[in-house]
């Protein structure tokens, strides 16, 4: 079953299973190493609307704010004086912020989709 933008089943990495054995904080450093991923980052209209509604709850807003702190608002890492170090740090920072911006774009598009649906429903009702 392929229910997302990735060419594998989400059942392989079910959130409930991942929560049973979460990576420790030190192991999370590996998450910032480059990985091959497909270019299809669009989550689809249904997920965009879900993210929009999730962001409009108190709990969702807190989670989104934390996620944005970890991605978009994360400070640029301190690097040494070597040009190569700066380039690697920039690439890691760019990848991290891209994830946050993709989520924020999905939320904004979810709001547009929701508004359009509401407008269409209101236009049908006399």
N, C-alpha and C. Protein backbone atom coordinates (compact mmCIF):
# COMPACT_ATOMS: atom_id res chain seq x y z
N UNK A 1 0.85 -1.19 0.00
CA UNK A 1 0.00 0.00 0.00
C UNK A 1 0.88 1.24 0.00
N UNK A 2 0.73 2.07 -0.98
CA UNK A 2 1.51 3.30 -1.05
C UNK A 2 0.57 4.46 -0.79
N UNK A 3 0.65 5.03 0.42
CA UNK A 3 -0.26 6.10 0.79
C UNK A 3 0.45 7.43 0.99
N UNK A 4 1.62 7.58 0.44
CA UNK A 4 2.32 8.83 0.62
C UNK A 4 3.27 9.11 -0.52
N UNK A 5 4.10 10.12 -0.36
CA UNK A 5 4.99 10.53 -1.44
C UNK A 5 6.20 9.63 -1.61
N UNK A 6 6.37 8.63 -0.75
CA UNK A 6 7.54 7.79 -0.81
C UNK A 6 7.22 6.47 -1.51
N UNK A 7 8.18 5.92 -2.26
CA UNK A 7 7.91 4.71 -3.04
C UNK A 7 7.96 3.44 -2.20
N UNK A 8 7.56 3.50 -0.94
CA UNK A 8 7.45 2.31 -0.12
C UNK A 8 6.27 2.48 0.82
N UNK A 9 5.82 1.39 1.35
CA UNK A 9 4.65 1.42 2.21
C UNK A 9 4.97 2.07 3.54
N UNK A 10 4.05 2.89 4.03
CA UNK A 10 4.24 3.50 5.34
C UNK A 10 4.14 2.46 6.45
N UNK A 11 3.59 1.29 6.12
CA UNK A 11 3.52 0.23 7.12
C UNK A 11 4.90 -0.22 7.55
N UNK A 12 5.89 -0.03 6.67
CA UNK A 12 7.26 -0.43 7.01
C UNK A 12 7.81 0.42 8.14
N UNK A 13 7.34 1.65 8.25
CA UNK A 13 7.83 2.56 9.26
C UNK A 13 6.65 3.19 10.00
N UNK A 14 5.76 2.36 10.50
CA UNK A 14 4.60 2.86 11.21
C UNK A 14 5.05 3.65 12.44
N UNK A 15 4.40 4.79 12.66
CA UNK A 15 4.77 5.65 13.78
C UNK A 15 4.67 4.90 15.10
N UNK A 16 3.62 4.11 15.28
CA UNK A 16 3.46 3.36 16.53
C UNK A 16 4.65 2.44 16.77
N UNK A 17 5.14 1.79 15.70
CA UNK A 17 6.31 0.92 15.84
C UNK A 17 7.57 1.72 16.15
N UNK A 18 7.72 2.86 15.49
CA UNK A 18 8.90 3.69 15.73
C UNK A 18 8.91 4.24 17.16
N UNK A 19 7.73 4.51 17.72
CA UNK A 19 7.65 5.04 19.08
C UNK A 19 8.01 3.98 20.13
N UNK A 20 7.92 2.71 19.77
CA UNK A 20 8.27 1.64 20.70
C UNK A 20 9.76 1.60 21.00
N UNK A 21 10.59 2.01 20.05
CA UNK A 21 12.04 2.00 20.22
C UNK A 21 12.62 3.26 19.59
N UNK A 22 12.33 4.42 20.17
CA UNK A 22 12.82 5.66 19.56
C UNK A 22 14.34 5.76 19.64
N UNK A 23 14.91 6.44 18.68
CA UNK A 23 16.34 6.70 18.67
C UNK A 23 16.68 7.65 19.81
N UNK A 24 17.81 7.40 20.48
CA UNK A 24 18.20 8.34 21.54
C UNK A 24 18.68 9.64 20.91
N UNK A 25 18.81 10.68 21.71
CA UNK A 25 19.16 12.00 21.18
C UNK A 25 20.52 12.00 20.49
N UNK A 26 21.46 11.19 21.00
CA UNK A 26 22.77 11.13 20.34
C UNK A 26 22.66 10.49 18.97
N UNK A 27 21.79 9.50 18.83
CA UNK A 27 21.61 8.85 17.55
C UNK A 27 20.94 9.72 16.51
N UNK A 28 20.27 10.78 16.97
CA UNK A 28 19.59 11.66 16.04
C UNK A 28 20.57 12.45 15.17
N UNK A 29 21.81 12.53 15.59
CA UNK A 29 22.80 13.25 14.79
C UNK A 29 22.92 12.62 13.41
N UNK A 30 22.68 11.31 13.32
CA UNK A 30 22.74 10.63 12.03
C UNK A 30 21.65 11.11 11.08
N UNK A 31 20.58 11.65 11.62
CA UNK A 31 19.47 12.11 10.78
C UNK A 31 19.87 13.30 9.92
N UNK A 32 20.94 13.95 10.25
CA UNK A 32 21.35 15.12 9.49
C UNK A 32 22.35 14.79 8.39
N UNK A 33 22.69 13.50 8.24
CA UNK A 33 23.54 13.11 7.14
C UNK A 33 22.70 13.00 5.88
N UNK A 34 23.24 13.36 4.74
CA UNK A 34 22.45 13.30 3.50
C UNK A 34 21.95 11.89 3.22
N UNK A 35 20.75 11.80 2.71
CA UNK A 35 20.16 10.53 2.34
C UNK A 35 19.46 10.68 1.01
N UNK A 36 19.45 9.64 0.25
CA UNK A 36 18.75 9.66 -1.04
C UNK A 36 17.26 9.60 -0.79
N UNK A 37 16.54 10.56 -1.33
CA UNK A 37 15.08 10.59 -1.22
C UNK A 37 14.50 10.98 -2.57
N UNK A 38 13.28 10.54 -2.83
CA UNK A 38 12.65 10.94 -4.09
C UNK A 38 12.32 12.43 -4.08
N UNK A 39 12.13 13.00 -5.25
CA UNK A 39 11.84 14.42 -5.37
C UNK A 39 10.37 14.76 -5.16
N UNK A 40 9.52 13.78 -4.95
CA UNK A 40 8.09 14.03 -4.77
C UNK A 40 7.82 14.33 -3.30
N UNK A 41 7.85 15.61 -2.94
CA UNK A 41 7.63 15.99 -1.56
C UNK A 41 6.20 16.44 -1.29
N UNK A 42 5.35 16.47 -2.31
CA UNK A 42 3.97 16.92 -2.14
C UNK A 42 3.18 15.84 -1.40
N UNK A 43 2.64 16.16 -0.22
CA UNK A 43 1.93 15.14 0.56
C UNK A 43 0.51 14.87 0.08
N UNK A 44 0.00 15.67 -0.85
CA UNK A 44 -1.37 15.49 -1.33
C UNK A 44 -2.34 16.40 -0.58
N UNK A 45 -3.48 16.64 -1.21
CA UNK A 45 -4.45 17.58 -0.64
C UNK A 45 -4.96 17.15 0.72
N UNK A 46 -5.23 15.86 0.89
CA UNK A 46 -5.79 15.42 2.18
C UNK A 46 -4.84 15.69 3.33
N UNK A 47 -3.54 15.42 3.15
CA UNK A 47 -2.57 15.65 4.22
C UNK A 47 -2.38 17.15 4.47
N UNK A 48 -2.45 17.95 3.43
CA UNK A 48 -2.32 19.40 3.59
C UNK A 48 -3.46 19.95 4.45
N UNK A 49 -4.67 19.46 4.20
CA UNK A 49 -5.82 19.91 4.99
C UNK A 49 -5.69 19.42 6.43
N UNK A 50 -5.22 18.19 6.62
CA UNK A 50 -5.01 17.66 7.98
C UNK A 50 -3.99 18.52 8.72
N UNK A 51 -2.88 18.85 8.07
CA UNK A 51 -1.86 19.69 8.71
C UNK A 51 -2.40 21.07 9.05
N UNK A 52 -3.21 21.64 8.16
CA UNK A 52 -3.82 22.93 8.43
C UNK A 52 -4.69 22.87 9.69
N UNK A 53 -5.55 21.85 9.78
CA UNK A 53 -6.42 21.72 10.95
C UNK A 53 -5.60 21.41 12.21
N UNK A 54 -4.58 20.57 12.08
CA UNK A 54 -3.72 20.24 13.21
C UNK A 54 -3.06 21.50 13.76
N UNK A 55 -2.62 22.38 12.87
CA UNK A 55 -1.98 23.62 13.28
C UNK A 55 -2.96 24.57 13.97
N UNK A 56 -4.24 24.36 13.79
CA UNK A 56 -5.25 25.21 14.43
C UNK A 56 -5.74 24.66 15.75
N UNK A 57 -5.06 23.65 16.29
CA UNK A 57 -5.35 23.18 17.64
C UNK A 57 -4.22 23.64 18.56
N UNK A 58 -4.50 23.75 19.85
CA UNK A 58 -3.46 24.19 20.79
C UNK A 58 -2.28 23.21 20.80
N UNK A 59 -2.59 21.92 20.83
CA UNK A 59 -1.53 20.91 20.86
C UNK A 59 -0.74 20.90 19.56
N UNK A 60 -1.48 20.99 18.45
CA UNK A 60 -0.82 21.00 17.14
C UNK A 60 0.08 22.20 16.98
N UNK A 61 -0.39 23.35 17.42
CA UNK A 61 0.42 24.58 17.33
C UNK A 61 1.72 24.41 18.11
N UNK A 62 1.65 23.82 19.29
CA UNK A 62 2.87 23.59 20.09
C UNK A 62 3.85 22.68 19.36
N UNK A 63 3.34 21.62 18.74
CA UNK A 63 4.20 20.68 18.04
C UNK A 63 4.81 21.32 16.80
N UNK A 64 3.99 22.05 16.05
CA UNK A 64 4.49 22.73 14.85
C UNK A 64 5.55 23.76 15.23
N UNK A 65 5.31 24.51 16.31
CA UNK A 65 6.29 25.50 16.76
C UNK A 65 7.62 24.83 17.10
N UNK A 66 7.56 23.69 17.80
CA UNK A 66 8.78 22.97 18.16
C UNK A 66 9.50 22.47 16.90
N UNK A 67 8.72 21.93 15.96
CA UNK A 67 9.30 21.43 14.72
C UNK A 67 9.96 22.56 13.93
N UNK A 68 9.33 23.72 13.91
CA UNK A 68 9.91 24.87 13.21
C UNK A 68 11.18 25.33 13.94
N UNK A 69 11.20 25.26 15.28
CA UNK A 69 12.43 25.57 16.02
C UNK A 69 13.57 24.66 15.60
N UNK A 70 13.25 23.38 15.36
CA UNK A 70 14.28 22.41 14.99
C UNK A 70 14.73 22.54 13.54
N UNK A 71 13.92 23.18 12.72
CA UNK A 71 14.23 23.23 11.28
C UNK A 71 14.44 24.67 10.81
N UNK A 72 13.37 25.38 10.56
CA UNK A 72 13.44 26.71 9.94
C UNK A 72 14.15 27.72 10.83
N UNK A 73 13.86 27.70 12.12
CA UNK A 73 14.45 28.69 13.02
C UNK A 73 15.77 28.24 13.64
N UNK A 74 16.23 27.06 13.28
CA UNK A 74 17.50 26.56 13.83
C UNK A 74 18.63 27.48 13.38
N UNK A 75 19.52 27.84 14.29
CA UNK A 75 20.61 28.74 13.89
C UNK A 75 21.59 28.03 12.95
N UNK A 76 22.22 28.82 12.13
CA UNK A 76 23.25 28.28 11.25
C UNK A 76 24.37 27.77 12.15
N UNK A 77 24.86 26.55 11.89
CA UNK A 77 25.88 25.98 12.77
C UNK A 77 27.21 26.73 12.68
N UNK A 78 27.89 26.78 13.81
CA UNK A 78 29.22 27.39 13.85
C UNK A 78 30.19 26.46 13.12
N UNK A 79 30.98 27.03 12.26
CA UNK A 79 31.94 26.22 11.50
C UNK A 79 33.33 26.80 11.68
N UNK A 80 34.30 26.00 11.32
CA UNK A 80 35.69 26.46 11.39
C UNK A 80 35.99 27.40 10.26
N UNK A 81 37.26 27.67 10.08
CA UNK A 81 37.67 28.65 9.07
C UNK A 81 37.87 28.03 7.69
N UNK A 82 37.74 26.72 7.59
CA UNK A 82 37.96 26.06 6.29
C UNK A 82 36.72 26.21 5.40
N UNK A 83 36.96 26.45 4.14
CA UNK A 83 35.89 26.63 3.17
C UNK A 83 35.02 25.38 3.07
N UNK A 84 35.64 24.20 3.12
CA UNK A 84 34.90 22.95 3.01
C UNK A 84 33.97 22.76 4.21
N UNK A 85 34.41 23.14 5.39
CA UNK A 85 33.58 23.04 6.59
C UNK A 85 32.34 23.91 6.46
N UNK A 86 32.52 25.09 5.95
CA UNK A 86 31.39 26.00 5.77
C UNK A 86 30.40 25.45 4.74
N UNK A 87 30.91 24.85 3.67
CA UNK A 87 30.04 24.29 2.63
C UNK A 87 29.24 23.11 3.18
N UNK A 88 29.87 22.24 3.95
CA UNK A 88 29.16 21.11 4.55
C UNK A 88 28.10 21.58 5.54
N UNK A 89 28.47 22.55 6.36
CA UNK A 89 27.51 23.08 7.33
C UNK A 89 26.32 23.72 6.63
N UNK A 90 26.59 24.44 5.54
CA UNK A 90 25.51 25.08 4.79
C UNK A 90 24.58 24.04 4.18
N UNK A 91 25.13 22.97 3.65
CA UNK A 91 24.31 21.92 3.05
C UNK A 91 23.43 21.25 4.10
N UNK A 92 23.98 20.96 5.25
CA UNK A 92 23.18 20.35 6.33
C UNK A 92 22.08 21.30 6.79
N UNK A 93 22.44 22.56 6.94
CA UNK A 93 21.45 23.55 7.40
C UNK A 93 20.34 23.71 6.36
N UNK A 94 20.71 23.74 5.10
CA UNK A 94 19.73 23.88 4.03
C UNK A 94 18.77 22.69 4.00
N UNK A 95 19.29 21.50 4.18
CA UNK A 95 18.45 20.30 4.19
C UNK A 95 17.48 20.34 5.36
N UNK A 96 17.97 20.73 6.52
CA UNK A 96 17.12 20.80 7.71
C UNK A 96 16.01 21.83 7.54
N UNK A 97 16.35 23.00 7.04
CA UNK A 97 15.33 24.03 6.88
C UNK A 97 14.34 23.68 5.77
N UNK A 98 14.80 22.95 4.75
CA UNK A 98 13.90 22.57 3.65
C UNK A 98 12.75 21.71 4.17
N UNK A 99 13.02 20.86 5.13
CA UNK A 99 11.95 20.02 5.71
C UNK A 99 10.91 20.91 6.39
N UNK A 100 11.37 21.87 7.16
CA UNK A 100 10.44 22.77 7.84
C UNK A 100 9.63 23.61 6.86
N UNK A 101 10.30 24.12 5.84
CA UNK A 101 9.59 24.93 4.84
C UNK A 101 8.57 24.09 4.06
N UNK A 102 8.89 22.82 3.79
CA UNK A 102 7.94 21.95 3.10
C UNK A 102 6.68 21.76 3.94
N UNK A 103 6.86 21.59 5.26
CA UNK A 103 5.71 21.42 6.14
C UNK A 103 4.90 22.72 6.20
N UNK A 104 5.55 23.85 6.32
CA UNK A 104 4.85 25.13 6.37
C UNK A 104 4.09 25.42 5.07
N UNK A 105 4.71 25.05 3.96
CA UNK A 105 4.02 25.23 2.67
C UNK A 105 2.78 24.34 2.60
N UNK A 106 2.90 23.11 3.10
CA UNK A 106 1.75 22.20 3.11
C UNK A 106 0.62 22.76 3.96
N UNK A 107 0.95 23.36 5.10
CA UNK A 107 -0.08 23.96 5.96
C UNK A 107 -0.75 25.12 5.24
N UNK A 108 0.04 25.98 4.62
CA UNK A 108 -0.53 27.13 3.91
C UNK A 108 -1.41 26.68 2.74
N UNK A 109 -0.96 25.68 2.00
CA UNK A 109 -1.77 25.17 0.90
C UNK A 109 -3.02 24.46 1.42
N UNK A 110 -2.90 23.81 2.59
CA UNK A 110 -4.06 23.19 3.21
C UNK A 110 -5.13 24.21 3.55
N UNK A 111 -4.71 25.37 4.01
CA UNK A 111 -5.66 26.44 4.31
C UNK A 111 -6.37 26.90 3.04
N UNK A 112 -5.61 27.05 1.96
CA UNK A 112 -6.21 27.46 0.68
C UNK A 112 -7.22 26.41 0.19
N UNK A 113 -6.84 25.15 0.28
CA UNK A 113 -7.73 24.06 -0.16
C UNK A 113 -9.00 24.06 0.67
N UNK A 114 -8.85 24.20 1.99
CA UNK A 114 -10.00 24.21 2.89
C UNK A 114 -10.92 25.39 2.58
N UNK A 115 -10.33 26.55 2.36
CA UNK A 115 -11.13 27.74 2.04
C UNK A 115 -11.88 27.56 0.72
N UNK A 116 -11.21 26.99 -0.27
CA UNK A 116 -11.87 26.75 -1.55
C UNK A 116 -13.03 25.77 -1.40
N UNK A 117 -12.82 24.72 -0.62
CA UNK A 117 -13.89 23.74 -0.40
C UNK A 117 -15.07 24.38 0.31
N UNK A 118 -14.79 25.19 1.30
CA UNK A 118 -15.86 25.88 2.04
C UNK A 118 -16.62 26.83 1.13
N UNK A 119 -15.90 27.55 0.27
CA UNK A 119 -16.54 28.47 -0.67
C UNK A 119 -17.45 27.72 -1.63
N UNK A 120 -16.97 26.57 -2.12
CA UNK A 120 -17.77 25.76 -3.04
C UNK A 120 -19.02 25.21 -2.36
N UNK A 121 -18.87 24.79 -1.09
CA UNK A 121 -20.03 24.29 -0.34
C UNK A 121 -21.05 25.41 -0.11
N UNK A 122 -20.57 26.60 0.23
CA UNK A 122 -21.47 27.73 0.45
C UNK A 122 -22.14 28.17 -0.83
N UNK A 123 -21.46 28.04 -1.96
CA UNK A 123 -22.06 28.42 -3.24
C UNK A 123 -23.18 27.46 -3.63
N UNK A 124 -23.05 26.20 -3.22
CA UNK A 124 -24.08 25.20 -3.53
C UNK A 124 -25.33 25.39 -2.69
N UNK A 125 -25.15 25.85 -1.45
CA UNK A 125 -26.29 26.06 -0.55
C UNK A 125 -26.99 27.38 -0.91
N UNK A 126 -28.30 27.30 -1.23
CA UNK A 126 -29.01 28.53 -1.57
C UNK A 126 -29.35 29.36 -0.36
